[in-house]
Amino acid sequence: MAARAVALIARLDELAEADGKDAPAEMRGVIARLRTLVRFEGNEGFTGPYREIVEAVPDALVAHVSSSRACCRISARPAGPV
């Protein structure tokens, strides 16, 4: 599951540099999949280890909160360029 998170983050990086008109919509889809993956419930095999890391490593907690807030801000924007 961690490999899936890394792949989604890599795709976000690619989309951030893309100029295509479909990039913003695809970016929103990737963000939605990433948010589903890293939530604290419902992802057996990922949630337990992820929660342990976030609770044990202060930098991981800061990164989790920052990324969650960024995803919420992006998701709240109207459709259009990200």
N, C-alpha and C. Protein backbone atom coordinates (compact mmCIF):
# COMPACT_ATOMS: atom_id res chain seq x y z
N MET A 1 0.81 -1.20 0.00
CA MET A 1 0.00 0.00 0.00
C MET A 1 0.85 1.25 0.00
N ALA A 2 2.00 1.23 0.66
CA ALA A 2 2.86 2.41 0.66
C ALA A 2 3.31 2.74 -0.76
N ALA A 3 3.54 1.71 -1.57
CA ALA A 3 3.94 1.94 -2.96
C ALA A 3 2.83 2.67 -3.71
N ARG A 4 1.57 2.38 -3.38
CA ARG A 4 0.46 3.06 -4.03
C ARG A 4 0.46 4.55 -3.66
N ALA A 5 0.73 4.87 -2.40
CA ALA A 5 0.78 6.27 -1.97
C ALA A 5 1.90 7.00 -2.70
N VAL A 6 3.05 6.36 -2.81
CA VAL A 6 4.18 6.97 -3.51
C VAL A 6 3.83 7.20 -4.98
N ALA A 7 3.18 6.24 -5.59
CA ALA A 7 2.79 6.38 -7.00
C ALA A 7 1.80 7.53 -7.18
N LEU A 8 0.86 7.67 -6.27
CA LEU A 8 -0.10 8.77 -6.36
C LEU A 8 0.58 10.13 -6.19
N ILE A 9 1.51 10.21 -5.25
CA ILE A 9 2.24 11.46 -5.04
C ILE A 9 3.09 11.79 -6.27
N ALA A 10 3.72 10.79 -6.86
CA ALA A 10 4.49 11.01 -8.08
C ALA A 10 3.59 11.51 -9.20
N ARG A 11 2.39 10.95 -9.30
CA ARG A 11 1.45 11.40 -10.34
C ARG A 11 1.03 12.84 -10.09
N LEU A 12 0.84 13.23 -8.84
CA LEU A 12 0.53 14.63 -8.53
C LEU A 12 1.64 15.55 -9.00
N ASP A 13 2.89 15.14 -8.77
CA ASP A 13 4.02 15.95 -9.24
C ASP A 13 3.99 16.10 -10.77
N GLU A 14 3.71 15.01 -11.46
CA GLU A 14 3.62 15.07 -12.92
C GLU A 14 2.51 16.01 -13.36
N LEU A 15 1.36 15.90 -12.73
CA LEU A 15 0.22 16.73 -13.11
C LEU A 15 0.45 18.19 -12.79
N ALA A 16 1.18 18.47 -11.72
CA ALA A 16 1.47 19.85 -11.36
C ALA A 16 2.29 20.54 -12.45
N GLU A 17 3.08 19.77 -13.17
CA GLU A 17 3.91 20.32 -14.24
C GLU A 17 3.23 20.25 -15.61
N ALA A 18 2.10 19.56 -15.69
CA ALA A 18 1.40 19.38 -16.97
C ALA A 18 0.63 20.64 -17.35
N ASP A 19 0.56 20.88 -18.63
CA ASP A 19 -0.16 22.05 -19.14
C ASP A 19 -1.52 21.68 -19.73
N GLY A 20 -1.84 20.42 -19.76
CA GLY A 20 -3.08 19.98 -20.40
C GLY A 20 -4.32 20.46 -19.66
N LYS A 21 -5.39 20.65 -20.42
CA LYS A 21 -6.63 21.15 -19.82
C LYS A 21 -7.28 20.11 -18.91
N ASP A 22 -6.93 18.83 -19.06
CA ASP A 22 -7.51 17.78 -18.23
C ASP A 22 -6.73 17.56 -16.93
N ALA A 23 -5.57 18.19 -16.81
CA ALA A 23 -4.72 17.99 -15.63
C ALA A 23 -5.43 18.35 -14.32
N PRO A 24 -6.14 19.48 -14.23
CA PRO A 24 -6.80 19.81 -12.96
C PRO A 24 -7.82 18.76 -12.53
N ALA A 25 -8.60 18.27 -13.46
CA ALA A 25 -9.60 17.25 -13.12
C ALA A 25 -8.92 15.95 -12.69
N GLU A 26 -7.87 15.57 -13.41
CA GLU A 26 -7.17 14.35 -13.03
C GLU A 26 -6.49 14.52 -11.67
N MET A 27 -5.97 15.73 -11.41
CA MET A 27 -5.33 15.99 -10.13
C MET A 27 -6.34 15.83 -8.99
N ARG A 28 -7.54 16.31 -9.19
CA ARG A 28 -8.57 16.14 -8.15
C ARG A 28 -8.87 14.67 -7.90
N GLY A 29 -8.90 13.88 -8.96
CA GLY A 29 -9.13 12.44 -8.81
C GLY A 29 -8.00 11.77 -8.05
N VAL A 30 -6.77 12.14 -8.35
CA VAL A 30 -5.61 11.57 -7.65
C VAL A 30 -5.66 11.97 -6.17
N ILE A 31 -5.99 13.22 -5.90
CA ILE A 31 -6.08 13.68 -4.52
C ILE A 31 -7.17 12.92 -3.77
N ALA A 32 -8.30 12.69 -4.41
CA ALA A 32 -9.37 11.93 -3.77
C ALA A 32 -8.91 10.51 -3.43
N ARG A 33 -8.18 9.86 -4.35
CA ARG A 33 -7.67 8.51 -4.07
C ARG A 33 -6.64 8.54 -2.95
N LEU A 34 -5.81 9.56 -2.93
CA LEU A 34 -4.80 9.67 -1.88
C LEU A 34 -5.45 9.91 -0.52
N ARG A 35 -6.45 10.76 -0.47
CA ARG A 35 -7.16 11.01 0.79
C ARG A 35 -7.81 9.73 1.31
N THR A 36 -8.40 8.95 0.41
CA THR A 36 -9.02 7.68 0.81
C THR A 36 -7.97 6.72 1.36
N LEU A 37 -6.82 6.70 0.74
CA LEU A 37 -5.76 5.78 1.16
C LEU A 37 -5.22 6.11 2.54
N VAL A 38 -5.01 7.38 2.84
CA VAL A 38 -4.32 7.73 4.09
C VAL A 38 -5.25 8.09 5.24
N ARG A 39 -6.53 7.92 5.07
CA ARG A 39 -7.40 8.18 6.22
C ARG A 39 -7.13 7.11 7.29
N PHE A 40 -7.53 7.41 8.51
CA PHE A 40 -7.19 6.55 9.64
C PHE A 40 -8.12 5.36 9.82
N GLU A 41 -9.05 5.14 8.94
CA GLU A 41 -9.92 3.98 9.07
C GLU A 41 -10.24 3.43 7.70
N GLY A 42 -10.51 2.14 7.67
CA GLY A 42 -11.02 1.52 6.46
C GLY A 42 -10.02 1.00 5.46
N ASN A 43 -8.75 1.02 5.76
CA ASN A 43 -7.75 0.52 4.81
C ASN A 43 -6.87 -0.52 5.48
N GLU A 44 -7.40 -1.71 5.64
CA GLU A 44 -6.64 -2.77 6.29
C GLU A 44 -5.30 -2.95 5.60
N GLY A 45 -4.28 -3.16 6.38
CA GLY A 45 -2.95 -3.36 5.82
C GLY A 45 -2.17 -2.06 5.67
N PHE A 46 -2.86 -0.95 5.66
CA PHE A 46 -2.20 0.35 5.55
C PHE A 46 -2.46 1.20 6.78
N THR A 47 -3.71 1.23 7.22
CA THR A 47 -4.10 2.11 8.31
C THR A 47 -3.31 1.87 9.59
N GLY A 48 -3.17 0.62 10.00
CA GLY A 48 -2.46 0.32 11.25
C GLY A 48 -1.03 0.81 11.24
N PRO A 49 -0.23 0.38 10.27
CA PRO A 49 1.16 0.85 10.22
C PRO A 49 1.25 2.37 10.02
N TYR A 50 0.37 2.91 9.20
CA TYR A 50 0.38 4.36 8.95
C TYR A 50 0.10 5.11 10.25
N ARG A 51 -0.91 4.68 10.97
CA ARG A 51 -1.27 5.33 12.24
C ARG A 51 -0.10 5.24 13.23
N GLU A 52 0.53 4.07 13.31
CA GLU A 52 1.66 3.91 14.22
C GLU A 52 2.78 4.89 13.90
N ILE A 53 3.08 5.04 12.63
CA ILE A 53 4.14 5.97 12.23
C ILE A 53 3.75 7.41 12.56
N VAL A 54 2.53 7.79 12.22
CA VAL A 54 2.07 9.16 12.47
C VAL A 54 2.09 9.47 13.97
N GLU A 55 1.72 8.49 14.78
CA GLU A 55 1.71 8.71 16.23
C GLU A 55 3.10 8.70 16.84
N ALA A 56 4.05 7.99 16.24
CA ALA A 56 5.38 7.85 16.82
C ALA A 56 6.40 8.88 16.32
N VAL A 57 6.17 9.41 15.12
CA VAL A 57 7.16 10.29 14.51
C VAL A 57 6.54 11.68 14.33
N PRO A 58 6.99 12.66 15.12
CA PRO A 58 6.39 14.00 15.04
C PRO A 58 6.40 14.60 13.64
N ASP A 59 7.47 14.40 12.88
CA ASP A 59 7.51 14.94 11.52
C ASP A 59 6.46 14.29 10.63
N ALA A 60 6.18 13.03 10.86
CA ALA A 60 5.15 12.34 10.08
C ALA A 60 3.77 12.92 10.40
N LEU A 61 3.54 13.24 11.67
CA LEU A 61 2.27 13.85 12.06
C LEU A 61 2.11 15.21 11.40
N VAL A 62 3.16 16.01 11.42
CA VAL A 62 3.11 17.33 10.78
C VAL A 62 2.84 17.19 9.28
N ALA A 63 3.52 16.24 8.65
CA ALA A 63 3.31 16.02 7.21
C ALA A 63 1.89 15.54 6.93
N HIS A 64 1.35 14.67 7.78
CA HIS A 64 -0.02 14.18 7.60
C HIS A 64 -1.02 15.33 7.70
N VAL A 65 -0.88 16.16 8.72
CA VAL A 65 -1.80 17.28 8.90
C VAL A 65 -1.67 18.27 7.73
N SER A 66 -0.44 18.58 7.34
CA SER A 66 -0.23 19.51 6.23
C SER A 66 -0.83 18.99 4.93
N SER A 67 -0.59 17.71 4.65
CA SER A 67 -1.12 17.15 3.40
C SER A 67 -2.64 17.05 3.45
N SER A 68 -3.20 16.73 4.62
CA SER A 68 -4.66 16.68 4.75
C SER A 68 -5.28 18.04 4.51
N ARG A 69 -4.67 19.07 5.08
CA ARG A 69 -5.19 20.43 4.87
C ARG A 69 -5.07 20.86 3.42
N ALA A 70 -3.95 20.53 2.78
CA ALA A 70 -3.78 20.88 1.37
C ALA A 70 -4.82 20.18 0.51
N CYS A 71 -5.06 18.91 0.77
CA CYS A 71 -6.08 18.17 0.01
C CYS A 71 -7.46 18.78 0.22
N CYS A 72 -7.76 19.19 1.43
CA CYS A 72 -9.06 19.82 1.70
C CYS A 72 -9.20 21.14 0.97
N ARG A 73 -8.13 21.94 0.96
CA ARG A 73 -8.18 23.23 0.25
C ARG A 73 -8.40 23.01 -1.24
N ILE A 74 -7.67 22.06 -1.80
CA ILE A 74 -7.81 21.79 -3.23
C ILE A 74 -9.18 21.25 -3.55
N SER A 75 -9.68 20.34 -2.72
CA SER A 75 -10.99 19.76 -2.96
C SER A 75 -12.11 20.79 -2.84
N ALA A 76 -11.90 21.82 -2.05
CA ALA A 76 -12.92 22.84 -1.84
C ALA A 76 -12.96 23.88 -2.96
N ARG A 77 -11.92 23.92 -3.78
CA ARG A 77 -11.90 24.89 -4.88
C ARG A 77 -12.92 24.52 -5.95
N PRO A 78 -13.44 25.53 -6.64
CA PRO A 78 -14.32 25.22 -7.78
C PRO A 78 -13.52 24.57 -8.89
N ALA A 79 -14.19 23.86 -9.76
CA ALA A 79 -13.51 23.20 -10.88
C ALA A 79 -12.77 24.23 -11.70
N GLY A 80 -11.62 23.85 -12.17
CA GLY A 80 -10.76 24.74 -12.95
C GLY A 80 -9.32 24.42 -12.62
N PRO A 81 -8.40 25.29 -13.00
CA PRO A 81 -6.99 25.02 -12.73
C PRO A 81 -6.73 24.86 -11.24
N VAL A 82 -5.87 23.92 -10.92
CA VAL A 82 -5.51 23.64 -9.52
C VAL A 82 -4.39 24.54 -9.11
